Amino acid sequence: MRKLFFLILAALFVATPLSAQHFGLRAGVNATNASIDITDLNVETEGETNLMLGLFVELPIGGNTFVLQPEINYLNRGYSYTIDLPGSNEISSTLTYFDLGVLAKLNFGREEGLGFYLGAGPTFSYALNGTVTEIGGERDVDFDADRINRGGLNVTGVAGLTFDIGLKLFAEFRYNAAVSNLFDVENTDVRQNYLGINGGVLVPIGN
């Protein structure tokens, strides 16, 4: 499934020079938290806010109303947690990801002036590195020893505004929900979700 996802994404980027409507750059912040389910234990979590950067292209399908949007984002996802046991200490974890996704978007409003859009689609996340802070201090994540899955599937939804001031700008709200378990540990289910606010510029390309 992962290979198929990457093949589809690569094909969309290859098609970009022939059919793309806009090339986009984004920057913003994402507030991440995690839902943690460990059998027979109560876990309290606290979120973390981090920077997000990304780029994307818009590929119109039969007009400007419906577009496919291949995208790649660079971001950190972090959270901290405490297990409700005597002597338990807070543990925090921050992972750095590349997110590769394809969104289906519907554009409304005017092409020039004020418009808005809604979209959703799958995203595949790949963790590059990370840190864990425990009672002994901060250390680098060892994905094998910590039994953390580098790759994971997510579902992303977006809503945004576009406005043309001679240069086309956008502001966007997005929600990302994990489908995959972050850990490869029996009786432990950890899924990171985030709310993000970002904005950027849309540059016309193609015909």
N, C-alpha and C. Protein backbone atom coordinates (compact mmCIF):
# COMPACT_ATOMS: atom_id res chain seq x y z
N MET A 1 0.83 -1.20 0.00
CA MET A 1 0.00 0.00 0.00
C MET A 1 0.86 1.26 0.00
N ARG A 2 1.96 1.23 0.79
CA ARG A 2 2.84 2.39 0.85
C ARG A 2 3.49 2.65 -0.50
N LYS A 3 3.95 1.58 -1.19
CA LYS A 3 4.57 1.75 -2.50
C LYS A 3 3.58 2.32 -3.51
N LEU A 4 2.32 1.84 -3.46
CA LEU A 4 1.31 2.35 -4.36
C LEU A 4 1.06 3.83 -4.12
N PHE A 5 1.02 4.22 -2.86
CA PHE A 5 0.81 5.63 -2.51
C PHE A 5 1.91 6.50 -3.11
N PHE A 6 3.17 6.08 -2.96
CA PHE A 6 4.29 6.86 -3.49
C PHE A 6 4.27 6.90 -5.01
N LEU A 7 3.87 5.80 -5.66
CA LEU A 7 3.80 5.78 -7.12
C LEU A 7 2.75 6.77 -7.63
N ILE A 8 1.59 6.80 -6.97
CA ILE A 8 0.54 7.74 -7.37
C ILE A 8 1.01 9.17 -7.17
N LEU A 9 1.66 9.44 -6.04
CA LEU A 9 2.15 10.78 -5.75
C LEU A 9 3.21 11.20 -6.77
N ALA A 10 4.12 10.29 -7.12
CA ALA A 10 5.15 10.60 -8.11
C ALA A 10 4.54 10.90 -9.47
N ALA A 11 3.51 10.13 -9.85
CA ALA A 11 2.85 10.37 -11.14
C ALA A 11 2.19 11.74 -11.18
N LEU A 12 1.61 12.15 -10.07
CA LEU A 12 0.98 13.47 -10.02
C LEU A 12 2.00 14.58 -10.16
N PHE A 13 3.15 14.43 -9.53
CA PHE A 13 4.18 15.46 -9.63
C PHE A 13 4.78 15.50 -11.04
N VAL A 14 4.89 14.34 -11.71
CA VAL A 14 5.38 14.31 -13.09
C VAL A 14 4.42 15.07 -14.00
N ALA A 15 3.12 14.98 -13.72
CA ALA A 15 2.12 15.65 -14.55
C ALA A 15 2.05 17.15 -14.30
N THR A 16 2.69 17.62 -13.25
CA THR A 16 2.56 19.02 -12.84
C THR A 16 2.92 20.03 -13.92
N PRO A 17 4.07 19.92 -14.62
CA PRO A 17 4.42 20.96 -15.60
C PRO A 17 3.39 21.13 -16.71
N LEU A 18 2.61 20.08 -17.01
CA LEU A 18 1.66 20.14 -18.11
C LEU A 18 0.31 20.71 -17.70
N SER A 19 -0.07 20.51 -16.42
CA SER A 19 -1.45 20.81 -16.08
C SER A 19 -1.61 21.64 -14.81
N ALA A 20 -0.55 21.98 -14.12
CA ALA A 20 -0.69 22.65 -12.82
C ALA A 20 -1.26 24.05 -12.98
N GLN A 21 -2.10 24.41 -12.04
CA GLN A 21 -2.68 25.75 -11.99
C GLN A 21 -1.84 26.68 -11.13
N HIS A 22 -1.42 26.19 -9.97
CA HIS A 22 -0.62 26.99 -9.05
C HIS A 22 0.43 26.13 -8.35
N PHE A 23 1.52 26.78 -8.00
CA PHE A 23 2.53 26.23 -7.11
C PHE A 23 2.41 27.00 -5.80
N GLY A 24 2.39 26.30 -4.68
CA GLY A 24 2.16 26.96 -3.41
C GLY A 24 3.26 26.74 -2.39
N LEU A 25 3.51 27.75 -1.58
CA LEU A 25 4.43 27.68 -0.45
C LEU A 25 3.65 28.02 0.81
N ARG A 26 3.86 27.26 1.88
CA ARG A 26 3.14 27.50 3.12
C ARG A 26 4.07 27.53 4.33
N ALA A 27 3.64 28.27 5.36
CA ALA A 27 4.33 28.26 6.66
C ALA A 27 3.26 28.47 7.73
N GLY A 28 3.45 27.86 8.87
CA GLY A 28 2.46 28.00 9.94
C GLY A 28 2.86 27.22 11.16
N VAL A 29 1.88 26.96 12.01
CA VAL A 29 2.11 26.22 13.24
C VAL A 29 1.09 25.10 13.36
N ASN A 30 1.47 24.04 14.04
CA ASN A 30 0.55 22.95 14.32
C ASN A 30 0.60 22.61 15.81
N ALA A 31 -0.57 22.45 16.39
CA ALA A 31 -0.70 22.06 17.79
C ALA A 31 -1.02 20.57 17.85
N THR A 32 -0.07 19.78 18.34
CA THR A 32 -0.18 18.32 18.33
C THR A 32 -0.50 17.80 19.72
N ASN A 33 -1.32 16.78 19.75
CA ASN A 33 -1.52 16.02 20.97
C ASN A 33 -1.59 14.55 20.60
N ALA A 34 -1.71 13.69 21.58
CA ALA A 34 -1.75 12.26 21.31
C ALA A 34 -2.84 11.61 22.16
N SER A 35 -3.53 10.66 21.56
CA SER A 35 -4.42 9.79 22.33
C SER A 35 -3.65 8.52 22.65
N ILE A 36 -3.56 8.20 23.93
CA ILE A 36 -2.76 7.06 24.39
C ILE A 36 -3.66 6.09 25.13
N ASP A 37 -3.70 4.87 24.64
CA ASP A 37 -4.50 3.82 25.26
C ASP A 37 -3.57 2.66 25.62
N ILE A 38 -3.31 2.53 26.91
CA ILE A 38 -2.48 1.43 27.41
C ILE A 38 -3.36 0.59 28.34
N THR A 39 -3.43 -0.69 28.08
CA THR A 39 -4.32 -1.57 28.82
C THR A 39 -4.14 -1.44 30.32
N ASP A 40 -5.26 -1.19 31.03
CA ASP A 40 -5.33 -1.14 32.50
C ASP A 40 -4.57 0.04 33.11
N LEU A 41 -4.20 1.05 32.30
CA LEU A 41 -3.49 2.21 32.85
C LEU A 41 -4.20 3.50 32.42
N ASN A 42 -4.19 4.48 33.32
CA ASN A 42 -4.68 5.82 32.99
C ASN A 42 -3.50 6.71 32.61
N VAL A 43 -3.62 7.39 31.46
CA VAL A 43 -2.52 8.21 30.96
C VAL A 43 -3.03 9.62 30.71
N GLU A 44 -2.32 10.60 31.26
CA GLU A 44 -2.64 12.00 31.02
C GLU A 44 -1.66 12.57 30.01
N THR A 45 -2.18 13.29 29.02
CA THR A 45 -1.32 13.84 27.97
C THR A 45 -1.42 15.35 27.91
N GLU A 46 -0.38 15.95 27.35
CA GLU A 46 -0.35 17.39 27.12
C GLU A 46 0.27 17.64 25.75
N GLY A 47 -0.30 18.58 25.00
CA GLY A 47 0.15 18.82 23.63
C GLY A 47 1.35 19.73 23.52
N GLU A 48 1.78 19.93 22.28
CA GLU A 48 2.95 20.75 21.96
C GLU A 48 2.70 21.47 20.65
N THR A 49 3.17 22.70 20.53
CA THR A 49 2.99 23.49 19.31
C THR A 49 4.34 23.66 18.60
N ASN A 50 4.34 23.42 17.29
CA ASN A 50 5.58 23.46 16.52
C ASN A 50 5.37 24.11 15.17
N LEU A 51 6.49 24.38 14.50
CA LEU A 51 6.51 25.00 13.18
C LEU A 51 6.18 23.99 12.09
N MET A 52 5.54 24.48 11.03
CA MET A 52 5.23 23.66 9.86
C MET A 52 5.60 24.43 8.60
N LEU A 53 6.27 23.77 7.66
CA LEU A 53 6.63 24.34 6.36
C LEU A 53 6.21 23.36 5.28
N GLY A 54 5.83 23.87 4.11
CA GLY A 54 5.42 22.96 3.06
C GLY A 54 5.35 23.59 1.69
N LEU A 55 5.21 22.72 0.71
CA LEU A 55 4.99 23.16 -0.66
C LEU A 55 4.02 22.20 -1.33
N PHE A 56 3.33 22.69 -2.36
CA PHE A 56 2.32 21.89 -3.03
C PHE A 56 2.08 22.42 -4.43
N VAL A 57 1.35 21.64 -5.23
CA VAL A 57 0.90 22.08 -6.54
C VAL A 57 -0.59 21.78 -6.66
N GLU A 58 -1.30 22.60 -7.43
CA GLU A 58 -2.71 22.38 -7.70
C GLU A 58 -2.87 21.87 -9.13
N LEU A 59 -3.54 20.73 -9.27
CA LEU A 59 -3.78 20.14 -10.58
C LEU A 59 -5.27 20.17 -10.86
N PRO A 60 -5.77 21.10 -11.70
CA PRO A 60 -7.21 21.19 -11.97
C PRO A 60 -7.71 19.97 -12.74
N ILE A 61 -8.90 19.53 -12.38
CA ILE A 61 -9.55 18.41 -13.05
C ILE A 61 -10.81 18.95 -13.73
N GLY A 62 -10.74 19.17 -15.03
CA GLY A 62 -11.90 19.62 -15.79
C GLY A 62 -12.36 21.02 -15.44
N GLY A 63 -11.46 21.88 -15.01
CA GLY A 63 -11.83 23.24 -14.62
C GLY A 63 -11.16 23.62 -13.32
N ASN A 64 -11.47 24.80 -12.80
CA ASN A 64 -10.81 25.28 -11.59
C ASN A 64 -11.55 24.96 -10.30
N THR A 65 -12.75 24.38 -10.41
CA THR A 65 -13.53 24.11 -9.19
C THR A 65 -12.97 22.93 -8.43
N PHE A 66 -12.63 21.86 -9.13
CA PHE A 66 -12.11 20.65 -8.48
C PHE A 66 -10.64 20.49 -8.82
N VAL A 67 -9.79 20.35 -7.81
CA VAL A 67 -8.36 20.19 -8.04
C VAL A 67 -7.81 19.08 -7.15
N LEU A 68 -6.77 18.43 -7.63
CA LEU A 68 -5.96 17.53 -6.80
C LEU A 68 -4.73 18.30 -6.36
N GLN A 69 -4.34 18.11 -5.10
CA GLN A 69 -3.22 18.86 -4.54
C GLN A 69 -2.18 17.91 -3.93
N PRO A 70 -1.18 17.47 -4.71
CA PRO A 70 -0.04 16.77 -4.11
C PRO A 70 0.75 17.76 -3.24
N GLU A 71 1.21 17.32 -2.08
CA GLU A 71 1.91 18.22 -1.19
C GLU A 71 2.96 17.48 -0.37
N ILE A 72 3.95 18.24 0.08
CA ILE A 72 4.94 17.72 1.00
C ILE A 72 5.14 18.77 2.10
N ASN A 73 5.09 18.32 3.34
CA ASN A 73 5.22 19.21 4.49
C ASN A 73 6.31 18.72 5.43
N TYR A 74 7.00 19.66 6.03
CA TYR A 74 8.03 19.38 7.03
C TYR A 74 7.54 19.94 8.36
N LEU A 75 7.45 19.10 9.38
CA LEU A 75 6.90 19.56 10.65
C LEU A 75 7.36 18.67 11.79
N ASN A 76 7.24 19.23 13.00
CA ASN A 76 7.48 18.47 14.22
C ASN A 76 6.14 18.14 14.87
N ARG A 77 6.06 16.95 15.47
CA ARG A 77 4.90 16.58 16.26
C ARG A 77 5.40 16.17 17.64
N GLY A 78 4.85 16.78 18.67
CA GLY A 78 5.32 16.48 20.01
C GLY A 78 4.18 16.41 21.01
N TYR A 79 4.43 15.70 22.09
CA TYR A 79 3.46 15.59 23.19
C TYR A 79 4.22 15.11 24.43
N SER A 80 3.59 15.26 25.57
CA SER A 80 4.13 14.72 26.81
C SER A 80 3.03 13.93 27.51
N TYR A 81 3.44 12.98 28.34
CA TYR A 81 2.44 12.15 29.01
C TYR A 81 2.95 11.72 30.39
N THR A 82 2.00 11.45 31.25
CA THR A 82 2.27 10.94 32.59
C THR A 82 1.34 9.78 32.86
N ILE A 83 1.88 8.64 33.29
CA ILE A 83 1.07 7.48 33.65
C ILE A 83 0.64 7.62 35.11
N ASP A 84 -0.64 7.39 35.35
CA ASP A 84 -1.21 7.57 36.69
C ASP A 84 -0.81 6.42 37.61
N LEU A 85 0.48 6.45 38.01
CA LEU A 85 1.03 5.46 38.94
C LEU A 85 1.92 6.18 39.94
N PRO A 86 2.05 5.67 41.17
CA PRO A 86 2.93 6.31 42.16
C PRO A 86 4.37 6.40 41.63
N GLY A 87 4.95 7.58 41.74
CA GLY A 87 6.33 7.79 41.32
C GLY A 87 6.52 7.97 39.84
N SER A 88 5.43 8.03 39.07
CA SER A 88 5.54 8.20 37.62
C SER A 88 5.98 9.62 37.28
N ASN A 89 6.88 9.74 36.33
CA ASN A 89 7.38 11.04 35.89
C ASN A 89 6.89 11.35 34.48
N GLU A 90 6.85 12.65 34.18
CA GLU A 90 6.42 13.07 32.85
C GLU A 90 7.48 12.71 31.81
N ILE A 91 7.03 12.23 30.68
CA ILE A 91 7.89 11.90 29.55
C ILE A 91 7.39 12.69 28.35
N SER A 92 8.29 13.33 27.63
CA SER A 92 7.90 14.07 26.43
C SER A 92 8.66 13.53 25.22
N SER A 93 8.00 13.62 24.07
CA SER A 93 8.57 13.11 22.83
C SER A 93 8.25 14.07 21.70
N THR A 94 9.26 14.36 20.87
CA THR A 94 9.06 15.20 19.69
C THR A 94 9.72 14.51 18.49
N LEU A 95 8.93 14.29 17.44
CA LEU A 95 9.44 13.66 16.23
C LEU A 95 9.34 14.63 15.06
N THR A 96 10.34 14.59 14.19
CA THR A 96 10.37 15.42 12.99
C THR A 96 9.94 14.58 11.80
N TYR A 97 8.97 15.09 11.02
CA TYR A 97 8.37 14.32 9.94
C TYR A 97 8.45 15.03 8.60
N PHE A 98 8.48 14.23 7.54
CA PHE A 98 8.04 14.63 6.21
C PHE A 98 6.67 14.01 5.99
N ASP A 99 5.69 14.82 5.66
CA ASP A 99 4.36 14.34 5.32
C ASP A 99 4.13 14.47 3.82
N LEU A 100 3.79 13.37 3.17
CA LEU A 100 3.48 13.36 1.74
C LEU A 100 2.00 13.06 1.58
N GLY A 101 1.28 13.93 0.90
CA GLY A 101 -0.16 13.74 0.80
C GLY A 101 -0.72 14.16 -0.54
N VAL A 102 -1.95 13.74 -0.78
CA VAL A 102 -2.73 14.17 -1.95
C VAL A 102 -4.12 14.54 -1.45
N LEU A 103 -4.49 15.81 -1.60
CA LEU A 103 -5.80 16.27 -1.19
C LEU A 103 -6.69 16.50 -2.41
N ALA A 104 -7.97 16.20 -2.25
CA ALA A 104 -8.98 16.58 -3.24
C ALA A 104 -9.66 17.84 -2.71
N LYS A 105 -9.63 18.93 -3.50
CA LYS A 105 -10.14 20.22 -3.04
C LYS A 105 -11.24 20.73 -3.96
N LEU A 106 -12.21 21.40 -3.32
CA LEU A 106 -13.26 22.11 -4.03
C LEU A 106 -13.08 23.60 -3.79
N ASN A 107 -12.95 24.37 -4.87
CA ASN A 107 -12.81 25.82 -4.78
C ASN A 107 -14.16 26.50 -4.99
N PHE A 108 -14.45 27.48 -4.15
CA PHE A 108 -15.69 28.24 -4.25
C PHE A 108 -15.34 29.73 -4.33
N GLY A 109 -16.34 30.52 -4.65
CA GLY A 109 -16.11 31.96 -4.73
C GLY A 109 -15.51 32.36 -6.05
N ARG A 110 -14.86 33.50 -6.06
CA ARG A 110 -14.33 34.08 -7.29
C ARG A 110 -12.87 33.68 -7.49
N GLU A 111 -12.50 33.48 -8.76
CA GLU A 111 -11.11 33.18 -9.09
C GLU A 111 -10.23 34.37 -8.74
N GLU A 112 -10.72 35.58 -9.00
CA GLU A 112 -10.02 36.80 -8.61
C GLU A 112 -10.81 37.46 -7.49
N GLY A 113 -10.13 37.92 -6.49
CA GLY A 113 -10.80 38.47 -5.32
C GLY A 113 -10.80 37.46 -4.19
N LEU A 114 -11.92 37.35 -3.49
CA LEU A 114 -12.01 36.47 -2.32
C LEU A 114 -12.64 35.14 -2.71
N GLY A 115 -12.01 34.04 -2.30
CA GLY A 115 -12.55 32.70 -2.51
C GLY A 115 -12.31 31.85 -1.29
N PHE A 116 -12.89 30.67 -1.29
CA PHE A 116 -12.62 29.74 -0.20
C PHE A 116 -12.65 28.32 -0.73
N TYR A 117 -12.12 27.39 0.04
CA TYR A 117 -12.01 26.01 -0.42
C TYR A 117 -12.12 25.04 0.75
N LEU A 118 -12.50 23.82 0.42
CA LEU A 118 -12.56 22.69 1.34
C LEU A 118 -11.83 21.53 0.69
N GLY A 119 -11.17 20.70 1.51
CA GLY A 119 -10.46 19.56 0.94
C GLY A 119 -10.18 18.48 1.96
N ALA A 120 -9.85 17.29 1.47
CA ALA A 120 -9.50 16.17 2.33
C ALA A 120 -8.72 15.14 1.52
N GLY A 121 -7.97 14.31 2.22
CA GLY A 121 -7.23 13.26 1.54
C GLY A 121 -6.27 12.54 2.46
N PRO A 122 -5.61 11.50 1.94
CA PRO A 122 -4.65 10.72 2.74
C PRO A 122 -3.28 11.38 2.78
N THR A 123 -2.59 11.15 3.88
CA THR A 123 -1.22 11.64 4.05
C THR A 123 -0.37 10.51 4.62
N PHE A 124 0.82 10.34 4.06
CA PHE A 124 1.76 9.37 4.62
C PHE A 124 2.89 10.12 5.31
N SER A 125 3.11 9.80 6.58
CA SER A 125 4.14 10.46 7.38
C SER A 125 5.36 9.56 7.52
N TYR A 126 6.54 10.18 7.41
CA TYR A 126 7.79 9.43 7.64
C TYR A 126 8.64 10.21 8.63
N ALA A 127 8.96 9.60 9.75
CA ALA A 127 9.74 10.25 10.80
C ALA A 127 11.23 10.24 10.46
N LEU A 128 11.85 11.41 10.49
CA LEU A 128 13.27 11.53 10.20
C LEU A 128 14.13 11.30 11.43
N ASN A 129 13.75 11.92 12.53
CA ASN A 129 14.48 11.80 13.79
C ASN A 129 13.58 12.30 14.90
N GLY A 130 14.12 12.34 16.12
CA GLY A 130 13.32 12.82 17.24
C GLY A 130 14.09 12.78 18.54
N THR A 131 13.47 13.33 19.56
CA THR A 131 14.07 13.35 20.90
C THR A 131 13.02 12.90 21.92
N VAL A 132 13.52 12.32 23.00
CA VAL A 132 12.68 11.94 24.14
C VAL A 132 13.31 12.54 25.39
N THR A 133 12.50 13.17 26.22
CA THR A 133 12.98 13.72 27.49
C THR A 133 12.38 12.91 28.62
N GLU A 134 13.26 12.27 29.39
CA GLU A 134 12.86 11.44 30.52
C GLU A 134 13.52 11.98 31.78
N ILE A 135 13.41 11.24 32.86
CA ILE A 135 13.98 11.69 34.12
C ILE A 135 15.50 11.84 34.04
N GLY A 136 16.14 11.07 33.17
CA GLY A 136 17.59 11.15 33.03
C GLY A 136 18.06 12.23 32.09
N GLY A 137 17.14 12.96 31.47
CA GLY A 137 17.51 14.01 30.53
C GLY A 137 17.02 13.71 29.14
N GLU A 138 17.48 14.50 28.17
CA GLU A 138 17.05 14.36 26.79
C GLU A 138 17.97 13.41 26.03
N ARG A 139 17.38 12.59 25.16
CA ARG A 139 18.16 11.67 24.32
C ARG A 139 17.52 11.60 22.94
N ASP A 140 18.30 11.14 21.97
CA ASP A 140 17.76 10.92 20.63
C ASP A 140 16.90 9.67 20.60
N VAL A 141 15.89 9.70 19.76
CA VAL A 141 15.02 8.54 19.59
C VAL A 141 15.79 7.44 18.86
N ASP A 142 15.68 6.23 19.37
CA ASP A 142 16.15 5.04 18.68
C ASP A 142 14.90 4.29 18.22
N PHE A 143 14.57 4.39 16.94
CA PHE A 143 13.29 3.88 16.47
C PHE A 143 13.13 2.39 16.70
N ASP A 144 14.22 1.64 16.56
CA ASP A 144 14.14 0.19 16.77
C ASP A 144 13.99 -0.14 18.25
N ALA A 145 14.88 0.41 19.08
CA ALA A 145 14.85 0.10 20.51
C ALA A 145 13.58 0.64 21.18
N ASP A 146 13.13 1.81 20.75
CA ASP A 146 11.92 2.41 21.33
C ASP A 146 10.65 1.84 20.71
N ARG A 147 10.81 1.04 19.66
CA ARG A 147 9.69 0.38 18.98
C ARG A 147 8.69 1.41 18.46
N ILE A 148 9.22 2.47 17.86
CA ILE A 148 8.41 3.52 17.24
C ILE A 148 8.37 3.29 15.73
N ASN A 149 7.20 3.28 15.18
CA ASN A 149 7.04 3.12 13.73
C ASN A 149 7.40 4.43 13.03
N ARG A 150 8.35 4.36 12.11
CA ARG A 150 8.74 5.57 11.36
C ARG A 150 7.61 6.04 10.44
N GLY A 151 6.93 5.11 9.78
CA GLY A 151 5.90 5.46 8.81
C GLY A 151 4.51 5.31 9.40
N GLY A 152 3.60 6.15 8.90
CA GLY A 152 2.22 6.07 9.37
C GLY A 152 1.27 6.75 8.42
N LEU A 153 0.04 6.25 8.38
CA LEU A 153 -0.99 6.81 7.52
C LEU A 153 -1.89 7.74 8.31
N ASN A 154 -2.27 8.86 7.69
CA ASN A 154 -3.13 9.85 8.32
C ASN A 154 -4.23 10.27 7.35
N VAL A 155 -5.26 10.90 7.88
CA VAL A 155 -6.29 11.55 7.08
C VAL A 155 -6.27 13.04 7.40
N THR A 156 -6.23 13.86 6.36
CA THR A 156 -6.12 15.31 6.53
C THR A 156 -7.34 16.01 5.94
N GLY A 157 -7.87 16.97 6.68
CA GLY A 157 -8.94 17.82 6.19
C GLY A 157 -8.52 19.28 6.27
N VAL A 158 -8.91 20.08 5.28
CA VAL A 158 -8.50 21.49 5.23
C VAL A 158 -9.69 22.38 4.88
N ALA A 159 -9.61 23.62 5.34
CA ALA A 159 -10.55 24.67 4.95
C ALA A 159 -9.76 25.96 4.89
N GLY A 160 -9.96 26.75 3.83
CA GLY A 160 -9.13 27.95 3.70
C GLY A 160 -9.77 29.04 2.88
N LEU A 161 -9.12 30.19 2.94
CA LEU A 161 -9.52 31.37 2.17
C LEU A 161 -8.40 31.75 1.22
N THR A 162 -8.76 32.22 0.03
CA THR A 162 -7.79 32.79 -0.90
C THR A 162 -8.18 34.24 -1.18
N PHE A 163 -7.18 35.08 -1.37
CA PHE A 163 -7.46 36.49 -1.68
C PHE A 163 -6.35 37.03 -2.57
N ASP A 164 -6.78 37.81 -3.56
CA ASP A 164 -5.87 38.30 -4.60
C ASP A 164 -5.64 39.79 -4.39
N ILE A 165 -4.37 40.14 -4.10
CA ILE A 165 -4.00 41.55 -3.94
C ILE A 165 -2.93 41.91 -4.98
N GLY A 166 -3.06 41.31 -6.16
CA GLY A 166 -2.01 41.38 -7.16
C GLY A 166 -1.12 40.16 -7.06
N LEU A 167 -1.03 39.61 -5.87
CA LEU A 167 -0.39 38.34 -5.59
C LEU A 167 -1.42 37.50 -4.85
N LYS A 168 -1.59 36.23 -5.26
CA LYS A 168 -2.62 35.40 -4.66
C LYS A 168 -2.11 34.77 -3.37
N LEU A 169 -2.79 35.07 -2.26
CA LEU A 169 -2.42 34.57 -0.95
C LEU A 169 -3.51 33.66 -0.42
N PHE A 170 -3.15 32.85 0.58
CA PHE A 170 -4.15 31.98 1.20
C PHE A 170 -3.88 31.88 2.70
N ALA A 171 -4.95 31.60 3.44
CA ALA A 171 -4.87 31.29 4.87
C ALA A 171 -5.67 30.02 5.09
N GLU A 172 -5.13 29.09 5.87
CA GLU A 172 -5.74 27.76 5.93
C GLU A 172 -5.75 27.20 7.34
N PHE A 173 -6.82 26.49 7.64
CA PHE A 173 -6.95 25.68 8.85
C PHE A 173 -6.93 24.22 8.42
N ARG A 174 -6.17 23.38 9.14
CA ARG A 174 -6.16 21.96 8.80
C ARG A 174 -6.18 21.08 10.05
N TYR A 175 -6.76 19.90 9.85
CA TYR A 175 -6.81 18.89 10.92
C TYR A 175 -6.25 17.60 10.36
N ASN A 176 -5.36 16.98 11.14
CA ASN A 176 -4.73 15.74 10.72
C ASN A 176 -4.96 14.68 11.80
N ALA A 177 -5.53 13.55 11.39
CA ALA A 177 -5.83 12.46 12.33
C ALA A 177 -5.06 11.21 11.92
N ALA A 178 -4.36 10.62 12.87
CA ALA A 178 -3.58 9.42 12.59
C ALA A 178 -4.48 8.20 12.47
N VAL A 179 -4.20 7.39 11.45
CA VAL A 179 -4.87 6.11 11.28
C VAL A 179 -4.02 4.99 11.87
N SER A 180 -2.69 5.16 11.80
CA SER A 180 -1.76 4.13 12.24
C SER A 180 -1.31 4.35 13.68
N ASN A 181 -1.00 3.24 14.35
CA ASN A 181 -0.44 3.27 15.70
C ASN A 181 1.02 3.73 15.63
N LEU A 182 1.38 4.68 16.50
CA LEU A 182 2.75 5.19 16.51
C LEU A 182 3.74 4.15 17.01
N PHE A 183 3.30 3.27 17.91
CA PHE A 183 4.20 2.30 18.53
C PHE A 183 3.89 0.88 18.07
N ASP A 184 4.93 0.07 18.00
CA ASP A 184 4.80 -1.36 17.73
C ASP A 184 4.94 -2.11 19.05
N VAL A 185 3.99 -1.86 19.95
CA VAL A 185 4.03 -2.43 21.29
C VAL A 185 2.66 -3.03 21.59
N GLU A 186 2.64 -4.25 22.08
CA GLU A 186 1.39 -4.93 22.38
C GLU A 186 0.63 -4.20 23.48
N ASN A 187 -0.69 -4.10 23.32
CA ASN A 187 -1.59 -3.47 24.30
C ASN A 187 -1.34 -1.98 24.48
N THR A 188 -0.67 -1.36 23.50
CA THR A 188 -0.41 0.08 23.55
C THR A 188 -0.81 0.70 22.22
N ASP A 189 -1.69 1.69 22.28
CA ASP A 189 -2.14 2.36 21.07
C ASP A 189 -1.93 3.86 21.25
N VAL A 190 -1.07 4.44 20.41
CA VAL A 190 -0.75 5.87 20.48
C VAL A 190 -0.96 6.47 19.09
N ARG A 191 -1.82 7.49 19.03
CA ARG A 191 -2.11 8.15 17.75
C ARG A 191 -2.00 9.66 17.93
N GLN A 192 -1.16 10.27 17.11
CA GLN A 192 -0.95 11.70 17.17
C GLN A 192 -1.91 12.42 16.21
N ASN A 193 -2.55 13.47 16.70
CA ASN A 193 -3.43 14.30 15.90
C ASN A 193 -3.00 15.75 16.06
N TYR A 194 -3.26 16.57 15.04
CA TYR A 194 -2.90 17.98 15.20
C TYR A 194 -3.89 18.89 14.50
N LEU A 195 -3.99 20.09 15.05
CA LEU A 195 -4.69 21.20 14.44
C LEU A 195 -3.64 22.20 13.95
N GLY A 196 -3.77 22.67 12.74
CA GLY A 196 -2.77 23.57 12.19
C GLY A 196 -3.38 24.82 11.58
N ILE A 197 -2.66 25.93 11.68
CA ILE A 197 -3.00 27.16 11.01
C ILE A 197 -1.79 27.59 10.20
N ASN A 198 -2.00 27.82 8.91
CA ASN A 198 -0.87 28.22 8.07
C ASN A 198 -1.36 29.16 6.98
N GLY A 199 -0.41 29.76 6.31
CA GLY A 199 -0.72 30.66 5.21
C GLY A 199 0.44 30.69 4.24
N GLY A 200 0.21 31.31 3.09
CA GLY A 200 1.30 31.36 2.12
C GLY A 200 0.87 32.01 0.83
N VAL A 201 1.58 31.66 -0.22
CA VAL A 201 1.39 32.31 -1.52
C VAL A 201 1.15 31.25 -2.58
N LEU A 202 0.29 31.57 -3.56
CA LEU A 202 0.02 30.72 -4.71
C LEU A 202 0.59 31.40 -5.96
N VAL A 203 1.48 30.71 -6.64
CA VAL A 203 2.15 31.26 -7.82
C VAL A 203 1.60 30.57 -9.07
N PRO A 204 1.01 31.31 -10.03
CA PRO A 204 0.46 30.68 -11.25
C PRO A 204 1.57 30.04 -12.07
N ILE A 205 1.28 28.83 -12.56
CA ILE A 205 2.20 28.13 -13.48
C ILE A 205 1.37 27.41 -14.51
N GLY A 206 2.00 26.86 -15.53
CA GLY A 206 1.28 26.14 -16.57
C GLY A 206 0.57 27.10 -17.51
N ASN A 207 -0.44 26.57 -18.18
CA ASN A 207 -1.17 27.37 -19.16
C ASN A 207 -2.16 28.30 -18.49
